[in-house]
């Protein structure tokens, strides 16, 4: 028994999407992390991963990750690939997509090589105590096929999502609409 360090040879987290296995240690005095995580395959179309896009994204994610830093300030990296990547039943790439993710100093950066589809890159600051805004850029010469996925039904669904968010954030909260009224009056008096 080591009273200063917890070490484990194998731990696993299992969900409908698949299993993530881990091994490593945590130093109790300073909270230092030394973990390795691996997955032989997570199904992107199964919960809890369906929260990302409502279940339209499909494929199989395999990865190996290292987690270091401390419990208060974790850092890590992940290298993986997504096989059979598809959106709404349409194949996105003819070969596996390579993924690299770095997390350090409260910031996440990610790059995904999506083969002939293009390259996805971006990230941003991540806070554990509040929602985070990440920004990603998709670079590609071949996105014309996405127009086929833009149906009136999918556009109406997105409109409904935006309207619902507006109701939740502004219309149904005290003084939610007043900020717009105040901005309108400030701008109308400044221009007049």
C-alpha atoms as a PDB file:
ATOM      1  CA  UNK A   1       0.000   0.000   0.000  1.00  0.00           C
ATOM      2  CA  UNK A   2       1.325   3.411  -1.012  1.00  0.00           C
ATOM      3  CA  UNK A   3      -0.277   6.189   1.064  1.00  0.00           C
ATOM      4  CA  UNK A   4       1.005   8.912  -1.280  1.00  0.00           C
ATOM      5  CA  UNK A   5      -0.053   7.516  -4.641  1.00  0.00           C
ATOM      6  CA  UNK A   6      -3.021   5.648  -6.079  1.00  0.00           C
ATOM      7  CA  UNK A   7      -2.068   3.412  -8.945  1.00  0.00           C
ATOM      8  CA  UNK A   8      -4.326   1.254 -11.064  1.00  0.00           C
ATOM      9  CA  UNK A   9      -3.484  -1.241 -13.756  1.00  0.00           C
ATOM     10  CA  UNK A  10      -6.857  -1.289 -15.471  1.00  0.00           C
ATOM     11  CA  UNK A  11     -10.061   0.698 -15.187  1.00  0.00           C
ATOM     12  CA  UNK A  12     -12.807   0.995 -17.728  1.00  0.00           C
ATOM     13  CA  UNK A  13     -15.731   3.204 -18.583  1.00  0.00           C
ATOM     14  CA  UNK A  14     -18.432   1.452 -20.577  1.00  0.00           C
ATOM     15  CA  UNK A  15     -21.376   3.048 -22.353  1.00  0.00           C
ATOM     16  CA  UNK A  16     -23.633   2.194 -25.276  1.00  0.00           C
ATOM     17  CA  UNK A  17     -20.993   3.754 -27.547  1.00  0.00           C
ATOM     18  CA  UNK A  18     -18.245   1.395 -26.365  1.00  0.00           C
ATOM     19  CA  UNK A  19     -15.468   1.112 -23.813  1.00  0.00           C
ATOM     20  CA  UNK A  20     -12.588   3.362 -22.743  1.00  0.00           C
ATOM     21  CA  UNK A  21      -9.859   1.576 -20.779  1.00  0.00           C
ATOM     22  CA  UNK A  22      -7.290   3.301 -18.627  1.00  0.00           C
ATOM     23  CA  UNK A  23      -4.240   2.760 -16.480  1.00  0.00           C
ATOM     24  CA  UNK A  24      -1.999   5.063 -14.490  1.00  0.00           C
ATOM     25  CA  UNK A  25      -1.640   6.857 -11.208  1.00  0.00           C
ATOM     26  CA  UNK A  26      -2.656   9.885  -9.154  1.00  0.00           C
ATOM     27  CA  UNK A  27      -0.312  11.368  -6.564  1.00  0.00           C
ATOM     28  CA  UNK A  28      -2.356  12.340  -3.508  1.00  0.00           C
ATOM     29  CA  UNK A  29      -0.127  15.106  -2.156  1.00  0.00           C
ATOM     30  CA  UNK A  30      -0.141  17.328  -5.235  1.00  0.00           C
ATOM     31  CA  UNK A  31      -2.839  15.702  -7.384  1.00  0.00           C
ATOM     32  CA  UNK A  32      -0.388  14.895 -10.185  1.00  0.00           C
ATOM     33  CA  UNK A  33      -1.895  12.771 -12.953  1.00  0.00           C
ATOM     34  CA  UNK A  34      -0.176  10.143 -15.066  1.00  0.00           C
ATOM     35  CA  UNK A  35      -2.856   8.294 -17.025  1.00  0.00           C
ATOM     36  CA  UNK A  36      -3.125   6.474 -20.315  1.00  0.00           C
ATOM     37  CA  UNK A  37      -6.527   5.963 -21.925  1.00  0.00           C
ATOM     38  CA  UNK A  38      -7.326   3.818 -24.941  1.00  0.00           C
ATOM     39  CA  UNK A  39     -10.382   2.796 -26.905  1.00  0.00           C
ATOM     40  CA  UNK A  40     -10.572   0.081 -29.524  1.00  0.00           C
ATOM     41  CA  UNK A  41     -13.693   1.727 -30.889  1.00  0.00           C
ATOM     42  CA  UNK A  42     -16.494   4.061 -29.866  1.00  0.00           C
ATOM     43  CA  UNK A  43     -19.623   4.181 -32.022  1.00  0.00           C
ATOM     44  CA  UNK A  44     -20.348   7.863 -32.740  1.00  0.00           C
ATOM     45  CA  UNK A  45     -24.006   7.066 -33.457  1.00  0.00           C
ATOM     46  CA  UNK A  46     -24.643   5.691 -29.940  1.00  0.00           C
ATOM     47  CA  UNK A  47     -25.273   7.486 -26.621  1.00  0.00           C
ATOM     48  CA  UNK A  48     -23.683   9.402 -24.999  1.00  0.00           C
ATOM     49  CA  UNK A  49     -21.904  10.570 -28.181  1.00  0.00           C
ATOM     50  CA  UNK A  50     -25.191  11.346 -29.955  1.00  0.00           C
ATOM     51  CA  UNK A  51     -25.402  14.538 -27.869  1.00  0.00           C
ATOM     52  CA  UNK A  52     -22.853  16.041 -30.276  1.00  0.00           C
ATOM     53  CA  UNK A  53     -25.200  16.190 -33.255  1.00  0.00           C
ATOM     54  CA  UNK A  54     -28.465  14.478 -32.454  1.00  0.00           C
ATOM     55  CA  UNK A  55     -27.369  11.128 -33.871  1.00  0.00           C
ATOM     56  CA  UNK A  56     -26.736  12.129 -37.500  1.00  0.00           C
ATOM     57  CA  UNK A  57     -22.972  11.563 -37.288  1.00  0.00           C
ATOM     58  CA  UNK A  58     -21.778   7.968 -37.629  1.00  0.00           C
ATOM     59  CA  UNK A  59     -18.422   6.243 -37.540  1.00  0.00           C
ATOM     60  CA  UNK A  60     -16.057   4.431 -35.207  1.00  0.00           C
ATOM     61  CA  UNK A  61     -13.516   6.364 -33.102  1.00  0.00           C
ATOM     62  CA  UNK A  62     -10.351   4.617 -31.921  1.00  0.00           C
ATOM     63  CA  UNK A  63      -7.795   6.518 -29.842  1.00  0.00           C
ATOM     64  CA  UNK A  64      -4.901   6.546 -27.422  1.00  0.00           C
ATOM     65  CA  UNK A  65      -4.587   9.432 -24.959  1.00  0.00           C
ATOM     66  CA  UNK A  66      -2.201  10.618 -22.247  1.00  0.00           C
ATOM     67  CA  UNK A  67      -3.403  12.710 -19.311  1.00  0.00           C
ATOM     68  CA  UNK A  68      -0.938  14.602 -17.147  1.00  0.00           C
ATOM     69  CA  UNK A  69      -0.883  17.809 -15.174  1.00  0.00           C
ATOM     70  CA  UNK A  70      -2.818  17.893 -11.923  1.00  0.00           C
ATOM     71  CA  UNK A  71      -6.392  17.399 -10.795  1.00  0.00           C
ATOM     72  CA  UNK A  72      -6.807  21.210 -10.712  1.00  0.00           C
ATOM     73  CA  UNK A  73      -5.051  21.799 -14.055  1.00  0.00           C
ATOM     74  CA  UNK A  74      -5.149  18.667 -16.208  1.00  0.00           C
ATOM     75  CA  UNK A  75      -3.315  18.486 -19.515  1.00  0.00           C
ATOM     76  CA  UNK A  76      -3.308  15.841 -22.163  1.00  0.00           C
ATOM     77  CA  UNK A  77      -3.122  14.726 -25.730  1.00  0.00           C
ATOM     78  CA  UNK A  78      -5.124  12.340 -27.876  1.00  0.00           C
ATOM     79  CA  UNK A  79      -4.303  10.696 -31.177  1.00  0.00           C
ATOM     80  CA  UNK A  80      -6.969   8.744 -32.936  1.00  0.00           C
ATOM     81  CA  UNK A  81      -8.889   8.007 -36.064  1.00  0.00           C
ATOM     82  CA  UNK A  82     -12.483   7.770 -37.178  1.00  0.00           C
ATOM     83  CA  UNK A  83     -13.353   4.994 -39.581  1.00  0.00           C
ATOM     84  CA  UNK A  84     -16.480   4.931 -41.767  1.00  0.00           C
ATOM     85  CA  UNK A  85     -17.263   8.583 -41.005  1.00  0.00           C
ATOM     86  CA  UNK A  86     -20.747   9.494 -42.269  1.00  0.00           C
ATOM     87  CA  UNK A  87     -23.260  12.294 -41.804  1.00  0.00           C
ATOM     88  CA  UNK A  88     -26.951  11.653 -42.313  1.00  0.00           C
ATOM     89  CA  UNK A  89     -26.164   8.308 -43.939  1.00  0.00           C
ATOM     90  CA  UNK A  90     -23.759   9.873 -46.489  1.00  0.00           C
ATOM     91  CA  UNK A  91     -20.134   8.765 -46.345  1.00  0.00           C
ATOM     92  CA  UNK A  92     -17.811  11.706 -45.639  1.00  0.00           C
ATOM     93  CA  UNK A  93     -14.464  10.129 -46.435  1.00  0.00           C
ATOM     94  CA  UNK A  94     -13.147   7.100 -48.257  1.00  0.00           C
ATOM     95  CA  UNK A  95     -10.347   6.617 -45.734  1.00  0.00           C
ATOM     96  CA  UNK A  96     -10.120   6.953 -41.939  1.00  0.00           C
ATOM     97  CA  UNK A  97      -9.946  10.485 -40.552  1.00  0.00           C
ATOM     98  CA  UNK A  98      -6.889  11.198 -38.391  1.00  0.00           C
ATOM     99  CA  UNK A  99      -7.523  13.227 -35.212  1.00  0.00           C
ATOM    100  CA  UNK A 100      -5.106  15.009 -32.869  1.00  0.00           C
ATOM    101  CA  UNK A 101      -6.243  16.856 -29.749  1.00  0.00           C
ATOM    102  CA  UNK A 102      -4.106  18.782 -27.240  1.00  0.00           C
ATOM    103  CA  UNK A 103      -5.412  20.159 -23.953  1.00  0.00           C
ATOM    104  CA  UNK A 104      -3.168  22.314 -21.807  1.00  0.00           C
ATOM    105  CA  UNK A 105      -3.493  25.451 -19.657  1.00  0.00           C
ATOM    106  CA  UNK A 106      -7.273  25.375 -19.970  1.00  0.00           C
ATOM    107  CA  UNK A 107      -7.182  25.435 -23.767  1.00  0.00           C
ATOM    108  CA  UNK A 108      -8.206  22.744 -26.261  1.00  0.00           C
ATOM    109  CA  UNK A 109      -6.777  22.575 -29.789  1.00  0.00           C
ATOM    110  CA  UNK A 110      -7.879  19.943 -32.299  1.00  0.00           C
ATOM    111  CA  UNK A 111      -7.000  18.976 -35.863  1.00  0.00           C
ATOM    112  CA  UNK A 112      -8.766  16.364 -37.979  1.00  0.00           C
ATOM    113  CA  UNK A 113      -7.594  15.316 -41.426  1.00  0.00           C
ATOM    114  CA  UNK A 114     -10.803  14.256 -43.146  1.00  0.00           C
ATOM    115  CA  UNK A 115      -9.154  12.975 -46.307  1.00  0.00           C
ATOM    116  CA  UNK A 116     -10.675  14.248 -49.520  1.00  0.00           C
ATOM    117  CA  UNK A 117     -13.354  16.097 -47.521  1.00  0.00           C
ATOM    118  CA  UNK A 118     -10.816  18.519 -46.049  1.00  0.00           C
ATOM    119  CA  UNK A 119      -9.293  19.541 -42.746  1.00  0.00           C
ATOM    120  CA  UNK A 120     -11.067  20.555 -39.548  1.00  0.00           C
ATOM    121  CA  UNK A 121      -9.078  22.601 -37.038  1.00  0.00           C
ATOM    122  CA  UNK A 122      -9.697  24.866 -34.084  1.00  0.00           C
ATOM    123  CA  UNK A 123     -10.446  24.928 -30.395  1.00  0.00           C
ATOM    124  CA  UNK A 124     -10.513  27.487 -27.621  1.00  0.00           C
ATOM    125  CA  UNK A 125     -10.534  27.912 -23.859  1.00  0.00           C
ATOM    126  CA  UNK A 126     -12.383  25.324 -21.794  1.00  0.00           C
ATOM    127  CA  UNK A 127     -13.745  25.971 -18.327  1.00  0.00           C
ATOM    128  CA  UNK A 128     -15.003  23.089 -16.218  1.00  0.00           C
ATOM    129  CA  UNK A 129     -17.453  25.297 -14.333  1.00  0.00           C
ATOM    130  CA  UNK A 130     -19.186  26.985 -17.287  1.00  0.00           C
ATOM    131  CA  UNK A 131     -20.145  26.345 -20.909  1.00  0.00           C
ATOM    132  CA  UNK A 132     -17.243  26.798 -23.304  1.00  0.00           C
ATOM    133  CA  UNK A 133     -17.256  28.332 -26.777  1.00  0.00           C
ATOM    134  CA  UNK A 134     -15.031  26.497 -29.203  1.00  0.00           C
ATOM    135  CA  UNK A 135     -14.375  27.666 -32.732  1.00  0.00           C
ATOM    136  CA  UNK A 136     -13.585  25.293 -35.590  1.00  0.00           C
ATOM    137  CA  UNK A 137     -12.774  25.875 -39.224  1.00  0.00           C
ATOM    138  CA  UNK A 138     -13.443  23.420 -42.034  1.00  0.00           C
ATOM    139  CA  UNK A 139     -11.197  23.889 -45.054  1.00  0.00           C
ATOM    140  CA  UNK A 140     -12.182  22.047 -48.187  1.00  0.00           C
ATOM    141  CA  UNK A 141     -12.488  22.308 -51.928  1.00  0.00           C
ATOM    142  CA  UNK A 142     -15.221  19.690 -52.067  1.00  0.00           C
ATOM    143  CA  UNK A 143     -18.205  20.680 -49.911  1.00  0.00           C
ATOM    144  CA  UNK A 144     -20.777  20.883 -52.692  1.00  0.00           C
ATOM    145  CA  UNK A 145     -22.324  17.546 -51.696  1.00  0.00           C
ATOM    146  CA  UNK A 146     -23.355  19.071 -48.353  1.00  0.00           C
ATOM    147  CA  UNK A 147     -25.993  21.069 -50.234  1.00  0.00           C
ATOM    148  CA  UNK A 148     -27.887  17.821 -50.762  1.00  0.00           C
ATOM    149  CA  UNK A 149     -28.181  17.479 -46.964  1.00  0.00           C
ATOM    150  CA  UNK A 150     -29.756  20.946 -46.652  1.00  0.00           C
ATOM    151  CA  UNK A 151     -33.404  20.124 -47.009  1.00  0.00           C
ATOM    152  CA  UNK A 152     -36.320  22.331 -46.030  1.00  0.00           C
ATOM    153  CA  UNK A 153     -36.952  19.963 -43.109  1.00  0.00           C
ATOM    154  CA  UNK A 154     -33.363  20.232 -41.778  1.00  0.00           C
ATOM    155  CA  UNK A 155     -33.403  24.048 -42.163  1.00  0.00           C
ATOM    156  CA  UNK A 156     -36.740  24.279 -40.346  1.00  0.00           C
ATOM    157  CA  UNK A 157     -35.306  22.105 -37.558  1.00  0.00           C
ATOM    158  CA  UNK A 158     -32.375  24.533 -37.152  1.00  0.00           C
ATOM    159  CA  UNK A 159     -34.741  27.522 -37.144  1.00  0.00           C
ATOM    160  CA  UNK A 160     -36.770  25.842 -34.397  1.00  0.00           C
ATOM    161  CA  UNK A 161     -33.595  25.209 -32.372  1.00  0.00           C
ATOM    162  CA  UNK A 162     -32.573  28.881 -32.615  1.00  0.00           C
ATOM    163  CA  UNK A 163     -36.088  30.050 -31.678  1.00  0.00           C
ATOM    164  CA  UNK A 164     -36.116  27.703 -28.687  1.00  0.00           C
ATOM    165  CA  UNK A 165     -32.719  28.977 -27.532  1.00  0.00           C
ATOM    166  CA  UNK A 166     -33.966  32.557 -27.826  1.00  0.00           C
ATOM    167  CA  UNK A 167     -37.037  31.704 -25.726  1.00  0.00           C
ATOM    168  CA  UNK A 168     -34.862  30.060 -23.070  1.00  0.00           C
ATOM    169  CA  UNK A 169     -32.168  32.759 -22.933  1.00  0.00           C
ATOM    170  CA  UNK A 170     -34.103  35.985 -23.505  1.00  0.00           C
ATOM    171  CA  UNK A 171     -37.877  35.733 -23.782  1.00  0.00           C
ATOM    172  CA  UNK A 172     -38.522  33.664 -20.649  1.00  0.00           C
ATOM    173  CA  UNK A 173     -36.032  35.269 -18.263  1.00  0.00           C
ATOM    174  CA  UNK A 174     -36.497  38.413 -16.185  1.00  0.00           C
ATOM    175  CA  UNK A 175     -35.280  41.501 -18.069  1.00  0.00           C
ATOM    176  CA  UNK A 176     -34.266  39.300 -21.013  1.00  0.00           C
ATOM    177  CA  UNK A 177     -35.707  41.549 -23.719  1.00  0.00           C
ATOM    178  CA  UNK A 178     -34.747  44.816 -22.017  1.00  0.00           C
ATOM    179  CA  UNK A 179     -31.120  44.582 -23.153  1.00  0.00           C
ATOM    180  CA  UNK A 180     -32.275  44.732 -26.784  1.00  0.00           C
ATOM    181  CA  UNK A 181     -34.532  47.700 -26.038  1.00  0.00           C
ATOM    182  CA  UNK A 182     -31.690  49.530 -24.292  1.00  0.00           C
ATOM    183  CA  UNK A 183     -29.300  48.917 -27.197  1.00  0.00           C
ATOM    184  CA  UNK A 184     -31.949  50.079 -29.700  1.00  0.00           C
ATOM    185  CA  UNK A 185     -32.491  53.338 -27.796  1.00  0.00           C
ATOM    186  CA  UNK A 186     -28.766  53.947 -27.429  1.00  0.00           C
ATOM    187  CA  UNK A 187     -28.160  53.443 -31.131  1.00  0.00           C
ATOM    188  CA  UNK A 188     -31.196  55.446 -32.264  1.00  0.00           C
ATOM    189  CA  UNK A 189     -30.234  58.457 -30.113  1.00  0.00           C
ATOM    190  CA  UNK A 190     -26.587  58.253 -31.202  1.00  0.00           C
ATOM    191  CA  UNK A 191     -27.500  58.332 -34.904  1.00  0.00           C
ATOM    192  CA  UNK A 192     -30.209  60.986 -34.601  1.00  0.00           C
END
